[in-house]
N, C-alpha and C. Protein backbone atom coordinates (compact mmCIF):
# COMPACT_ATOMS: atom_id res chain seq x y z
N MET A 1 -34.12 13.80 62.03
CA MET A 1 -33.48 13.07 61.01
C MET A 1 -32.21 14.41 60.80
N SER A 2 -31.28 13.39 60.19
CA SER A 2 -30.18 13.93 59.80
C SER A 2 -30.13 14.02 58.43
N TRP A 3 -28.82 15.05 58.20
CA TRP A 3 -29.10 14.92 56.48
C TRP A 3 -28.50 13.96 55.57
N ILE A 4 -27.72 12.94 56.55
CA ILE A 4 -27.51 11.78 55.88
C ILE A 4 -28.92 10.96 55.42
N ASP A 5 -29.99 11.03 56.17
CA ASP A 5 -31.05 10.10 56.15
C ASP A 5 -31.67 11.24 54.91
N LEU A 6 -31.63 12.68 55.00
CA LEU A 6 -32.43 13.26 53.57
C LEU A 6 -31.95 12.80 52.58
N LEU A 7 -30.62 12.80 52.33
CA LEU A 7 -29.81 12.14 51.12
C LEU A 7 -30.30 10.72 50.71
N GLY A 8 -30.20 10.02 51.89
CA GLY A 8 -31.18 8.75 50.85
C GLY A 8 -32.48 8.80 51.03
N TYR A 9 -33.26 9.24 51.83
CA TYR A 9 -34.81 9.59 51.02
C TYR A 9 -34.84 10.50 49.52
N ALA A 10 -33.75 11.41 49.23
CA ALA A 10 -33.60 12.36 48.19
C ALA A 10 -33.19 10.90 47.15
N ALA A 11 -32.60 10.27 47.44
CA ALA A 11 -32.03 8.99 46.15
C ALA A 11 -32.98 8.02 46.07
N SER A 12 -33.74 7.58 46.74
CA SER A 12 -35.16 6.50 46.89
C SER A 12 -36.18 7.78 46.23
N THR A 13 -36.40 8.62 46.55
CA THR A 13 -37.32 9.34 45.82
C THR A 13 -37.09 9.78 44.31
N SER A 14 -35.74 9.64 44.20
CA SER A 14 -35.53 9.61 42.27
C SER A 14 -35.68 8.43 41.59
N VAL A 15 -35.40 7.31 42.82
CA VAL A 15 -35.75 6.20 41.71
C VAL A 15 -37.23 6.17 41.95
N LEU A 16 -37.84 6.50 42.33
CA LEU A 16 -39.21 6.26 42.76
C LEU A 16 -39.98 6.90 41.20
N ILE A 17 -39.44 8.29 41.00
CA ILE A 17 -39.51 9.22 39.84
C ILE A 17 -39.17 8.33 38.49
N THR A 18 -37.85 7.73 38.12
CA THR A 18 -38.04 7.12 37.30
C THR A 18 -39.23 5.81 36.84
N PHE A 19 -39.68 5.41 37.91
CA PHE A 19 -40.81 4.18 37.99
C PHE A 19 -41.62 4.86 37.14
N CYS A 20 -42.20 6.16 37.17
CA CYS A 20 -43.26 6.71 37.15
C CYS A 20 -43.45 7.87 35.48
N MET A 21 -42.01 7.23 34.84
CA MET A 21 -41.89 8.24 33.77
C MET A 21 -41.88 7.40 32.54
N SER A 22 -42.61 7.83 31.50
CA SER A 22 -43.39 6.83 30.18
C SER A 22 -41.55 7.35 29.05
N THR A 23 -40.95 8.47 28.84
CA THR A 23 -40.00 9.08 28.29
C THR A 23 -38.79 8.70 28.62
N MET A 24 -37.52 8.55 27.58
CA MET A 24 -36.57 7.61 27.85
C MET A 24 -35.69 8.85 28.24
N VAL A 25 -35.63 9.81 27.78
CA VAL A 25 -34.52 11.28 28.06
C VAL A 25 -34.54 11.39 29.24
N PRO A 26 -35.90 11.90 29.88
CA PRO A 26 -36.35 12.60 31.10
C PRO A 26 -35.59 11.19 31.73
N LEU A 27 -36.23 10.30 31.76
CA LEU A 27 -35.60 8.97 32.36
C LEU A 27 -34.17 8.69 32.68
N ARG A 28 -33.31 8.50 31.88
CA ARG A 28 -31.82 8.71 32.05
C ARG A 28 -31.85 9.93 32.74
N VAL A 29 -31.84 11.02 32.53
CA VAL A 29 -31.47 12.07 33.46
C VAL A 29 -31.79 12.01 34.61
N VAL A 30 -33.14 11.60 35.44
CA VAL A 30 -33.48 11.45 36.59
C VAL A 30 -32.46 10.18 37.32
N ALA A 31 -32.54 9.43 36.20
CA ALA A 31 -31.61 7.76 36.75
C ALA A 31 -29.95 8.38 37.11
N ILE A 32 -29.53 9.03 36.25
CA ILE A 32 -28.16 9.87 36.53
C ILE A 32 -28.25 10.74 37.82
N PHE A 33 -28.89 11.73 37.82
CA PHE A 33 -29.25 12.34 39.36
C PHE A 33 -28.76 11.42 40.43
N SER A 34 -30.09 10.09 40.08
CA SER A 34 -30.35 9.17 41.63
C SER A 34 -29.09 8.42 41.21
N ASN A 35 -28.17 8.15 40.35
CA ASN A 35 -26.90 7.41 40.72
C ASN A 35 -25.47 8.77 41.47
N VAL A 36 -25.75 9.53 41.27
CA VAL A 36 -25.18 10.67 41.76
C VAL A 36 -25.46 10.78 43.56
N LEU A 37 -26.79 10.97 43.84
CA LEU A 37 -27.38 10.60 44.98
C LEU A 37 -27.32 9.46 45.88
N PHE A 38 -27.19 8.39 45.35
CA PHE A 38 -27.22 7.07 45.98
C PHE A 38 -25.85 7.09 45.91
N ALA A 39 -24.83 7.60 45.03
CA ALA A 39 -23.75 7.09 45.67
C ALA A 39 -22.83 8.46 47.00
N SER A 40 -23.32 9.36 46.94
CA SER A 40 -23.33 10.00 47.85
C SER A 40 -23.68 9.55 49.42
N PHE A 41 -24.90 9.08 49.26
CA PHE A 41 -25.21 8.62 50.21
C PHE A 41 -24.34 7.33 50.81
N GLY A 42 -24.27 6.34 49.70
CA GLY A 42 -23.15 5.11 50.31
C GLY A 42 -22.07 5.69 50.69
N ALA A 43 -21.42 6.83 50.17
CA ALA A 43 -19.90 6.98 50.58
C ALA A 43 -19.86 7.51 51.86
N VAL A 44 -21.19 8.43 52.27
CA VAL A 44 -21.34 8.89 53.76
C VAL A 44 -21.44 8.22 54.63
N ALA A 45 -22.60 7.35 54.07
CA ALA A 45 -22.86 6.52 55.07
C ALA A 45 -21.99 5.05 55.65
N HIS A 46 -21.05 4.91 54.52
CA HIS A 46 -19.88 3.88 54.42
C HIS A 46 -20.78 2.79 54.13
N ILE A 47 -21.99 2.81 52.90
CA ILE A 47 -22.60 1.36 52.63
C ILE A 47 -21.86 1.55 51.09
N TYR A 48 -21.12 0.50 51.29
CA TYR A 48 -19.98 0.28 50.06
C TYR A 48 -20.83 -0.49 49.12
N PRO A 49 -21.72 -1.03 48.99
CA PRO A 49 -22.20 -1.98 47.95
C PRO A 49 -22.98 -0.69 47.07
N VAL A 50 -23.60 -0.08 48.15
CA VAL A 50 -24.25 0.79 47.19
C VAL A 50 -23.66 1.72 46.40
N LEU A 51 -22.64 2.30 47.23
CA LEU A 51 -21.58 3.19 46.73
C LEU A 51 -21.12 2.46 44.96
N VAL A 52 -20.81 1.13 45.11
CA VAL A 52 -19.83 0.61 44.57
C VAL A 52 -21.21 0.22 43.07
N LEU A 53 -21.93 -0.03 43.32
CA LEU A 53 -23.07 -0.45 42.46
C LEU A 53 -23.43 0.92 41.59
N HIS A 54 -23.99 1.94 42.40
CA HIS A 54 -24.21 3.19 41.46
C HIS A 54 -22.96 4.26 40.60
N LEU A 55 -21.74 3.79 41.03
CA LEU A 55 -20.62 3.92 40.45
C LEU A 55 -20.53 3.50 39.34
N ILE A 56 -21.08 1.87 39.42
CA ILE A 56 -21.23 1.41 38.28
C ILE A 56 -22.40 1.84 36.92
N LEU A 57 -23.39 2.11 37.70
CA LEU A 57 -24.53 2.51 37.22
C LEU A 57 -24.47 4.08 36.29
N PHE A 58 -23.70 4.39 36.78
CA PHE A 58 -23.39 6.26 36.22
C PHE A 58 -23.27 6.08 35.10
N PRO A 59 -22.23 5.51 34.58
CA PRO A 59 -22.08 5.44 33.23
C PRO A 59 -22.44 5.08 32.12
N VAL A 60 -23.28 3.94 33.08
CA VAL A 60 -24.12 2.96 31.93
C VAL A 60 -25.18 3.45 31.59
N ASN A 61 -25.91 4.90 32.43
CA ASN A 61 -27.05 5.66 32.36
C ASN A 61 -26.14 6.98 31.14
N VAL A 62 -25.04 7.51 31.54
CA VAL A 62 -24.45 8.49 30.51
C VAL A 62 -24.58 7.93 29.21
N ALA A 63 -24.12 6.69 29.14
CA ALA A 63 -23.93 5.90 27.58
C ALA A 63 -25.17 5.84 26.76
N ARG A 64 -26.13 5.60 27.78
CA ARG A 64 -27.55 5.06 27.00
C ARG A 64 -28.21 6.14 26.99
N LEU A 65 -28.32 7.42 27.40
CA LEU A 65 -28.59 8.52 26.97
C LEU A 65 -27.91 9.16 25.89
N TRP A 66 -26.59 8.98 25.65
CA TRP A 66 -26.10 9.85 24.77
C TRP A 66 -26.77 8.62 23.34
N GLN A 67 -26.46 7.29 23.76
CA GLN A 67 -27.44 6.34 22.70
C GLN A 67 -28.43 7.28 21.85
N ILE A 68 -29.52 7.51 23.04
CA ILE A 68 -30.51 8.31 22.77
C ILE A 68 -30.45 9.31 21.69
N PHE A 69 -29.67 10.45 22.26
CA PHE A 69 -29.73 11.65 21.74
C PHE A 69 -28.64 11.07 20.17
N ARG A 70 -28.01 10.54 20.20
CA ARG A 70 -27.94 9.91 18.96
C ARG A 70 -28.57 9.94 17.77
N LEU A 71 -29.61 8.81 18.42
CA LEU A 71 -30.91 7.93 17.76
C LEU A 71 -31.56 9.28 17.19
N ILE A 72 -31.62 10.43 18.10
CA ILE A 72 -32.76 11.47 17.72
C ILE A 72 -32.54 12.17 16.59
N LYS A 73 -30.59 12.30 17.02
CA LYS A 73 -30.18 13.34 15.68
C LYS A 73 -30.25 12.59 14.64
N ASN A 74 -30.17 11.50 14.63
CA ASN A 74 -30.42 10.59 13.14
C ASN A 74 -31.23 10.65 12.87
N VAL A 75 -32.47 10.27 13.33
CA VAL A 75 -33.87 10.27 12.82
C VAL A 75 -34.05 11.56 12.33
N ARG A 76 -33.75 12.80 13.24
CA ARG A 76 -34.00 14.26 12.39
C ARG A 76 -33.41 14.48 11.12
N ALA A 77 -31.72 14.02 11.04
CA ALA A 77 -31.36 13.97 9.45
C ALA A 77 -31.86 13.01 8.50
N ALA A 78 -32.76 11.88 8.88
CA ALA A 78 -33.40 11.01 8.40
C ALA A 78 -34.67 11.38 7.65
N ARG A 79 -35.08 12.28 8.33
CA ARG A 79 -36.63 13.01 8.14
C ARG A 79 -36.51 14.46 6.89
N LEU A 80 -34.60 14.46 7.25
CA LEU A 80 -35.06 15.97 5.79
C LEU A 80 -33.82 15.13 4.65
N SER A 81 -33.50 13.71 4.98
CA SER A 81 -32.86 13.21 3.54
C SER A 81 -33.61 12.74 2.53
N GLU A 82 -32.71 12.66 1.08
CA GLU A 82 -33.60 12.33 0.04
C GLU A 82 -32.98 10.96 -0.45
N LEU A 83 -33.49 10.13 -1.26
CA LEU A 83 -32.64 9.28 -1.87
C LEU A 83 -31.71 9.77 -2.53
N SER A 84 -30.16 9.15 -2.32
CA SER A 84 -29.30 9.86 -2.86
C SER A 84 -28.33 8.93 -3.94
N ILE A 85 -28.60 8.85 -4.89
CA ILE A 85 -28.09 8.21 -6.02
C ILE A 85 -26.69 7.75 -5.77
N GLU A 86 -26.08 8.78 -5.93
CA GLU A 86 -24.54 9.25 -5.85
C GLU A 86 -24.26 8.33 -4.43
N SER A 87 -24.63 8.34 -3.21
CA SER A 87 -24.56 7.03 -2.51
C SER A 87 -24.55 5.94 -2.40
N LEU A 88 -25.45 5.62 -3.64
CA LEU A 88 -25.97 3.82 -3.81
C LEU A 88 -25.14 3.57 -4.94
N LEU A 89 -24.28 4.32 -5.68
CA LEU A 89 -23.59 4.02 -6.76
C LEU A 89 -22.98 2.97 -6.42
N PRO A 90 -21.90 2.78 -5.59
CA PRO A 90 -20.91 2.10 -4.81
C PRO A 90 -21.34 0.68 -4.91
N PHE A 91 -22.75 0.34 -4.13
CA PHE A 91 -23.11 -0.65 -4.18
C PHE A 91 -23.97 -1.42 -5.64
N MET A 92 -23.84 -0.53 -6.71
CA MET A 92 -25.05 -0.53 -7.69
C MET A 92 -23.76 -1.57 -9.34
N SER A 93 -24.41 -2.15 -9.59
CA SER A 93 -23.68 -2.49 -10.89
C SER A 93 -24.52 -1.78 -12.30
N ARG A 94 -23.31 -1.41 -12.96
CA ARG A 94 -23.78 -0.93 -14.27
C ARG A 94 -24.22 -1.76 -15.05
N GLY A 95 -25.34 -1.54 -16.37
CA GLY A 95 -25.85 -2.16 -17.29
C GLY A 95 -26.07 -1.49 -18.50
N PHE A 96 -26.34 -2.17 -19.49
CA PHE A 96 -27.12 -1.58 -20.94
C PHE A 96 -28.16 -2.80 -21.24
N VAL A 97 -29.08 -1.77 -21.82
CA VAL A 97 -30.29 -2.64 -22.03
C VAL A 97 -30.83 -1.65 -23.67
N LYS A 98 -31.21 -2.76 -24.76
CA LYS A 98 -31.28 -1.95 -25.71
C LYS A 98 -32.51 -2.02 -26.14
N ALA A 99 -33.06 -1.00 -27.01
CA ALA A 99 -34.45 -0.48 -27.25
C ALA A 99 -35.48 -1.84 -27.97
N GLY A 100 -36.51 -1.78 -27.15
CA GLY A 100 -36.89 -3.07 -27.64
C GLY A 100 -37.27 -4.13 -26.39
N GLN A 101 -36.19 -3.84 -25.88
CA GLN A 101 -36.60 -4.88 -24.50
C GLN A 101 -36.85 -4.74 -23.32
N THR A 102 -37.22 -5.56 -22.68
CA THR A 102 -37.70 -5.82 -21.26
C THR A 102 -37.31 -6.10 -20.08
N LEU A 103 -36.91 -4.82 -19.80
CA LEU A 103 -35.93 -4.56 -18.23
C LEU A 103 -36.82 -5.31 -17.11
N ILE A 104 -38.37 -4.98 -17.04
CA ILE A 104 -39.14 -5.66 -15.87
C ILE A 104 -40.16 -6.09 -16.61
N LYS A 105 -40.83 -7.35 -15.96
CA LYS A 105 -41.67 -8.34 -16.43
C LYS A 105 -42.76 -8.44 -15.33
N LYS A 106 -44.01 -7.85 -15.67
CA LYS A 106 -45.18 -8.16 -14.45
C LYS A 106 -45.18 -9.41 -13.93
N ASP A 107 -45.67 -9.60 -12.97
CA ASP A 107 -45.72 -11.18 -12.24
C ASP A 107 -44.34 -11.68 -12.14
N ASP A 108 -42.97 -11.21 -12.42
CA ASP A 108 -41.89 -11.69 -12.80
C ASP A 108 -41.31 -11.23 -10.81
N LYS A 109 -40.20 -12.37 -10.30
CA LYS A 109 -39.71 -12.16 -8.92
C LYS A 109 -39.23 -10.78 -8.81
N ALA A 110 -39.15 -9.93 -7.99
CA ALA A 110 -38.17 -8.58 -7.93
C ALA A 110 -37.30 -8.80 -6.96
N ASP A 111 -36.27 -8.84 -7.53
CA ASP A 111 -34.84 -9.46 -7.07
C ASP A 111 -33.84 -8.23 -7.38
N ARG A 112 -34.19 -7.09 -7.84
CA ARG A 112 -33.57 -6.11 -7.62
C ARG A 112 -34.31 -4.96 -7.88
N MET A 113 -33.80 -3.28 -7.67
CA MET A 113 -34.10 -2.49 -8.35
C MET A 113 -33.15 -1.35 -8.89
N TYR A 114 -33.84 -0.36 -9.93
CA TYR A 114 -32.98 -0.30 -10.63
C TYR A 114 -32.97 1.26 -10.84
N TYR A 115 -32.02 2.25 -11.19
CA TYR A 115 -31.89 3.59 -11.53
C TYR A 115 -31.05 4.17 -12.99
N LEU A 116 -32.03 4.47 -13.66
CA LEU A 116 -32.23 4.72 -15.22
C LEU A 116 -31.08 6.11 -15.37
N ALA A 117 -30.00 6.03 -15.72
CA ALA A 117 -29.22 6.70 -15.99
C ALA A 117 -29.13 7.44 -17.59
N ARG A 118 -29.61 6.57 -18.38
CA ARG A 118 -29.88 7.44 -20.01
C ARG A 118 -30.58 6.57 -20.51
N GLY A 119 -31.42 7.32 -21.86
CA GLY A 119 -32.23 6.34 -22.41
C GLY A 119 -33.47 6.90 -21.66
N ARG A 120 -34.74 6.37 -22.05
CA ARG A 120 -36.37 6.50 -22.01
C ARG A 120 -36.90 5.00 -21.79
N MET A 121 -37.82 4.87 -20.91
CA MET A 121 -38.62 3.62 -20.62
C MET A 121 -39.92 3.88 -20.87
N LYS A 122 -40.79 2.65 -20.67
CA LYS A 122 -42.38 2.79 -20.55
C LYS A 122 -42.89 2.11 -19.69
N ILE A 123 -43.33 2.20 -18.78
CA ILE A 123 -44.60 1.37 -18.16
C ILE A 123 -45.68 0.90 -18.70
N LEU A 124 -45.91 -0.29 -19.33
CA LEU A 124 -46.64 -0.24 -20.33
C LEU A 124 -48.12 -0.62 -19.75
N ASP A 125 -48.25 -0.97 -18.30
CA ASP A 125 -49.67 -0.92 -17.72
C ASP A 125 -50.41 0.06 -17.62
N PHE A 126 -49.49 1.57 -17.24
CA PHE A 126 -49.79 2.62 -17.43
C PHE A 126 -49.55 3.77 -18.56
N ASP A 127 -49.00 3.17 -19.48
CA ASP A 127 -48.85 3.92 -21.01
C ASP A 127 -47.93 5.48 -20.18
N LYS A 128 -46.99 4.98 -19.00
CA LYS A 128 -46.16 6.34 -18.61
C LYS A 128 -44.81 6.05 -19.33
N ILE A 129 -44.23 7.13 -19.46
CA ILE A 129 -42.79 7.19 -19.70
C ILE A 129 -42.20 7.62 -18.44
N ILE A 130 -40.54 7.11 -18.91
CA ILE A 130 -39.69 6.96 -17.31
C ILE A 130 -38.44 7.73 -18.17
N GLU A 131 -38.46 8.72 -17.36
CA GLU A 131 -37.10 9.66 -18.09
C GLU A 131 -35.98 9.24 -17.28
N PRO A 132 -34.64 9.78 -17.69
CA PRO A 132 -33.61 9.75 -16.71
C PRO A 132 -33.49 9.98 -15.58
N GLY A 133 -33.07 9.51 -14.61
CA GLY A 133 -32.79 10.24 -13.49
C GLY A 133 -33.95 9.49 -12.41
N THR A 134 -34.64 8.77 -12.64
CA THR A 134 -35.46 7.78 -12.12
C THR A 134 -34.98 6.34 -11.31
N VAL A 135 -35.83 6.04 -10.03
CA VAL A 135 -35.41 4.76 -9.88
C VAL A 135 -36.89 3.97 -9.53
N LEU A 136 -36.61 2.76 -9.82
CA LEU A 136 -37.57 1.76 -10.30
C LEU A 136 -37.29 0.50 -10.31
N GLY A 137 -38.32 -0.14 -9.58
CA GLY A 137 -38.38 -1.38 -9.47
C GLY A 137 -38.16 -1.89 -7.59
N GLU A 138 -38.37 -0.46 -6.85
CA GLU A 138 -38.18 -0.88 -5.65
C GLU A 138 -39.29 -1.05 -4.79
N MET A 139 -40.57 -1.02 -5.47
CA MET A 139 -41.61 -1.38 -4.75
C MET A 139 -41.80 -3.37 -4.40
N GLY A 140 -41.45 -3.58 -5.96
CA GLY A 140 -41.34 -5.37 -5.85
C GLY A 140 -40.48 -5.52 -4.91
N ILE A 141 -39.31 -4.92 -4.62
CA ILE A 141 -38.26 -6.02 -3.62
C ILE A 141 -38.96 -5.71 -2.21
N PHE A 142 -39.49 -4.61 -1.99
CA PHE A 142 -40.69 -4.89 0.08
C PHE A 142 -41.39 -5.01 -0.16
N ALA A 143 -42.06 -5.63 -1.43
CA ALA A 143 -43.80 -6.63 -1.44
C ALA A 143 -43.45 -7.58 -0.18
N ARG A 144 -44.51 -7.98 -0.08
CA ARG A 144 -44.71 -9.16 0.70
C ARG A 144 -44.29 -10.58 -0.06
N ASP A 145 -45.20 -10.34 -1.63
CA ASP A 145 -45.09 -11.66 -2.21
C ASP A 145 -43.44 -11.27 -3.29
N GLN A 146 -42.93 -10.18 -3.39
CA GLN A 146 -41.85 -9.94 -4.54
C GLN A 146 -42.50 -10.09 -5.62
N LYS A 147 -43.33 -9.63 -5.95
CA LYS A 147 -43.72 -9.88 -7.56
C LYS A 147 -43.76 -8.70 -7.98
N ARG A 148 -43.28 -8.64 -9.27
CA ARG A 148 -43.39 -7.16 -10.25
C ARG A 148 -44.75 -6.93 -10.57
N MET A 149 -45.16 -5.44 -10.30
CA MET A 149 -46.41 -4.78 -10.32
C MET A 149 -46.67 -4.14 -11.67
N ALA A 150 -45.62 -4.34 -12.43
CA ALA A 150 -46.28 -3.85 -13.70
C ALA A 150 -44.81 -4.10 -14.69
N THR A 151 -45.08 -4.02 -16.07
CA THR A 151 -44.29 -4.23 -17.41
C THR A 151 -43.67 -3.48 -17.86
N VAL A 152 -42.24 -3.11 -17.52
CA VAL A 152 -41.15 -2.04 -18.33
C VAL A 152 -40.53 -2.40 -19.40
N VAL A 153 -40.70 -1.52 -20.15
CA VAL A 153 -39.32 -1.75 -21.91
C VAL A 153 -39.19 -0.76 -22.25
N CYS A 154 -37.81 -0.65 -22.70
CA CYS A 154 -36.82 0.34 -23.10
C CYS A 154 -37.21 0.86 -24.77
N LEU A 155 -37.36 2.32 -24.60
CA LEU A 155 -37.66 2.97 -25.96
C LEU A 155 -36.38 3.45 -26.33
N ASP A 156 -35.55 3.51 -25.85
CA ASP A 156 -34.06 3.91 -26.27
C ASP A 156 -33.28 2.90 -26.03
N ASP A 157 -31.62 2.84 -26.73
CA ASP A 157 -30.78 1.94 -25.80
C ASP A 157 -30.72 2.96 -24.46
N CYS A 158 -30.89 2.09 -23.21
CA CYS A 158 -30.81 2.78 -22.11
C CYS A 158 -29.22 2.34 -21.01
N GLU A 159 -29.10 2.98 -19.89
CA GLU A 159 -28.29 2.74 -19.61
C GLU A 159 -28.52 2.57 -17.95
N VAL A 160 -28.45 1.58 -17.02
CA VAL A 160 -29.16 1.50 -16.15
C VAL A 160 -28.11 0.87 -15.08
N TYR A 161 -28.33 1.18 -13.95
CA TYR A 161 -27.90 1.19 -12.23
C TYR A 161 -28.80 -0.18 -11.70
N GLU A 162 -28.40 -1.16 -10.92
CA GLU A 162 -29.03 -2.24 -10.54
C GLU A 162 -28.57 -2.41 -8.82
N LEU A 163 -29.27 -2.38 -8.20
CA LEU A 163 -29.27 -2.90 -7.00
C LEU A 163 -29.92 -4.08 -6.52
N SER A 164 -28.59 -5.10 -6.04
CA SER A 164 -29.59 -6.51 -5.63
C SER A 164 -30.79 -6.50 -4.35
N GLU A 165 -31.30 -7.51 -4.50
CA GLU A 165 -32.58 -7.37 -3.37
C GLU A 165 -31.86 -7.27 -1.79
N SER A 166 -30.71 -8.51 -2.07
CA SER A 166 -30.05 -8.34 -0.48
C SER A 166 -29.38 -6.86 0.19
N LYS A 167 -28.83 -6.19 -1.10
CA LYS A 167 -28.00 -4.91 -0.69
C LYS A 167 -29.03 -4.22 -0.25
N ALA A 168 -30.34 -4.19 -0.85
CA ALA A 168 -31.13 -2.96 -0.63
C ALA A 168 -31.52 -3.23 0.71
N MET A 169 -31.90 -4.49 0.94
CA MET A 169 -32.44 -4.84 2.64
C MET A 169 -31.21 -4.58 3.25
N GLN A 170 -30.13 -4.85 3.04
CA GLN A 170 -28.94 -4.27 3.92
C GLN A 170 -28.80 -3.06 4.51
N LEU A 171 -28.89 -2.16 3.07
CA LEU A 171 -29.11 -0.74 3.36
C LEU A 171 -30.35 -0.36 3.85
N TYR A 172 -31.50 -0.91 3.72
CA TYR A 172 -32.58 -0.68 4.66
C TYR A 172 -32.54 -0.72 5.87
N VAL A 173 -32.16 -2.15 6.65
CA VAL A 173 -31.38 -2.06 8.08
C VAL A 173 -30.34 -1.22 8.67
N GLN A 174 -29.46 -0.92 7.63
CA GLN A 174 -28.09 -0.21 8.49
C GLN A 174 -28.20 1.13 8.33
N ASP A 175 -28.73 1.74 7.62
CA ASP A 175 -28.76 3.14 6.84
C ASP A 175 -30.54 3.54 7.04
N ARG A 176 -30.80 4.50 8.20
CA ARG A 176 -31.92 5.08 8.33
C ARG A 176 -32.35 5.90 7.53
N SER A 177 -31.38 6.46 6.84
CA SER A 177 -32.22 7.86 5.84
C SER A 177 -32.25 6.86 4.10
N PHE A 178 -31.60 6.04 4.14
CA PHE A 178 -31.75 5.17 2.74
C PHE A 178 -33.45 4.41 3.25
N GLY A 179 -33.82 4.10 4.15
CA GLY A 179 -34.86 3.50 4.79
C GLY A 179 -35.93 4.40 4.68
N LEU A 180 -35.82 5.41 5.01
CA LEU A 180 -36.98 6.76 5.16
C LEU A 180 -37.13 6.94 3.96
N ALA A 181 -36.32 7.20 3.19
CA ALA A 181 -36.55 7.36 1.79
C ALA A 181 -36.75 7.07 0.64
N ILE A 182 -36.71 5.29 1.06
CA ILE A 182 -37.39 4.19 0.24
C ILE A 182 -38.97 4.30 0.89
N LEU A 183 -39.07 4.48 2.18
CA LEU A 183 -40.63 4.09 1.94
C LEU A 183 -41.04 5.60 1.61
N ARG A 184 -40.81 6.81 1.71
CA ARG A 184 -41.16 8.27 0.81
C ARG A 184 -41.53 8.01 -0.38
N LEU A 185 -40.35 7.10 -1.22
CA LEU A 185 -40.54 6.63 -2.48
C LEU A 185 -41.74 5.77 -2.88
N ILE A 186 -41.96 4.76 -1.98
CA ILE A 186 -43.01 3.73 -2.27
C ILE A 186 -44.38 4.66 -2.06
N ILE A 187 -44.14 5.42 -0.96
CA ILE A 187 -45.53 5.99 -1.12
C ILE A 187 -46.01 6.80 -1.73
N ALA A 188 -45.00 7.42 -2.52
CA ALA A 188 -45.43 8.42 -3.39
C ALA A 188 -46.01 7.60 -4.50
N ARG A 189 -45.32 6.26 -5.21
CA ARG A 189 -45.60 5.79 -6.33
C ARG A 189 -46.80 4.89 -6.15
N LEU A 190 -47.08 5.05 -5.09
CA LEU A 190 -49.09 4.28 -4.48
C LEU A 190 -49.69 5.31 -5.00
N MET A 191 -49.44 6.49 -4.27
CA MET A 191 -50.48 7.51 -4.33
C MET A 191 -50.39 7.78 -6.12
N GLU A 192 -49.26 7.85 -6.77
CA GLU A 192 -49.35 8.16 -8.13
C GLU A 192 -50.04 7.07 -8.81
N ASP A 193 -50.08 5.87 -8.26
CA ASP A 193 -50.70 4.83 -9.10
C ASP A 193 -52.18 4.78 -8.88
N ILE A 194 -52.54 5.54 -7.78
CA ILE A 194 -53.85 5.58 -7.87
C ILE A 194 -54.43 6.25 -8.31
N LYS A 195 -53.45 7.50 -8.71
CA LYS A 195 -54.10 8.99 -9.59
C LYS A 195 -54.32 8.16 -11.07
N LEU A 196 -53.28 7.24 -11.34
CA LEU A 196 -53.48 7.14 -12.92
C LEU A 196 -54.53 5.51 -13.09
N ARG A 197 -55.21 5.17 -11.86
CA ARG A 197 -55.68 4.72 -12.35
C ARG A 197 -57.29 5.26 -11.71
N GLU A 198 -57.36 6.27 -11.07
CA GLU A 198 -59.05 6.75 -11.24
C GLU A 198 -59.56 7.28 -12.36
N PRO A 199 -59.03 7.46 -13.40
CA PRO A 199 -59.63 8.29 -14.55
C PRO A 199 -60.61 6.48 -14.98
N THR A 200 -59.58 5.47 -15.04
CA THR A 200 -60.66 4.31 -15.28
C THR A 200 -61.40 4.16 -14.50
N SER A 201 -61.37 3.56 -13.12
CA SER A 201 -62.38 3.89 -12.16
C SER A 201 -63.59 4.79 -12.37
N VAL A 202 -63.26 6.03 -12.76
CA VAL A 202 -64.43 7.10 -12.71
C VAL A 202 -65.16 6.32 -14.53
N LEU A 203 -64.13 6.01 -15.34
CA LEU A 203 -64.88 5.90 -16.70
C LEU A 203 -65.88 4.25 -16.12
N ALA A 204 -65.57 3.48 -15.37
CA ALA A 204 -66.44 2.29 -15.42
C ALA A 204 -67.45 2.34 -14.63
N GLN A 205 -67.11 3.33 -13.74
CA GLN A 205 -68.60 3.82 -12.74
C GLN A 205 -69.39 4.56 -13.60
N GLN A 206 -69.17 5.42 -14.44
CA GLN A 206 -70.17 6.34 -15.22
C GLN A 206 -70.47 5.36 -16.51
N ALA A 207 -69.89 3.77 -17.09
CA ALA A 207 -70.45 3.13 -17.23
C ALA A 207 -71.61 2.57 -16.78
N PHE A 208 -71.15 1.74 -15.38
CA PHE A 208 -72.50 1.16 -14.73
C PHE A 208 -73.51 2.09 -14.82
N ASP A 209 -72.98 3.76 -14.19
CA ASP A 209 -74.50 4.00 -14.15
C ASP A 209 -75.63 4.15 -15.61
N LEU A 210 -74.60 4.91 -16.41
CA LEU A 210 -75.59 4.41 -17.98
C LEU A 210 -76.35 3.00 -17.86
N ARG A 211 -75.69 1.64 -17.58
CA ARG A 211 -76.20 0.71 -17.62
C ARG A 211 -77.94 0.53 -16.86
N HIS A 212 -77.36 1.07 -15.74
CA HIS A 212 -78.34 0.92 -14.70
C HIS A 212 -79.29 2.48 -14.29
């Protein structure tokens, strides 16, 4: 068996290895190595269709490997990110709401999310005060039925910034860090709502136990 035959077998073995892999980074690395082996085999054995094919596939696999590394980098950066209001302000519109007015009404359609820049608000359903620096209204936008889950009224004259539903959806799709930050915010709000409801649930259970 000549060294050219060995080169061909080595190239074929590398292709077989790629079919046995389940993760993309090692697969692309071995595929690039396979392209080099097959291109070398095609050149020395004068099998030019093989040579041309793998000369084309080599940059394709390199580009795909680079895309995977870039995706991994973006995901790692997104995991460390928080929701940056400063980065959202160019997409938001500024407005003012008078004391006593309702900003969000329960069961209304959720067509925007808000950032409270100045003043205080109150979530009537939970008797909770909202201070400046709070994002609100995001859960309704991403809910299936897109309905508001609570009523929010202004205690003071408030300055708010609002982001439309369409802009929020665009940012969610286009910006991984925004999407992950919104997901974390929604989960935190859900956990907070559960804790706020717990005392009521406990009292209801105690009342049930006393009756029975």
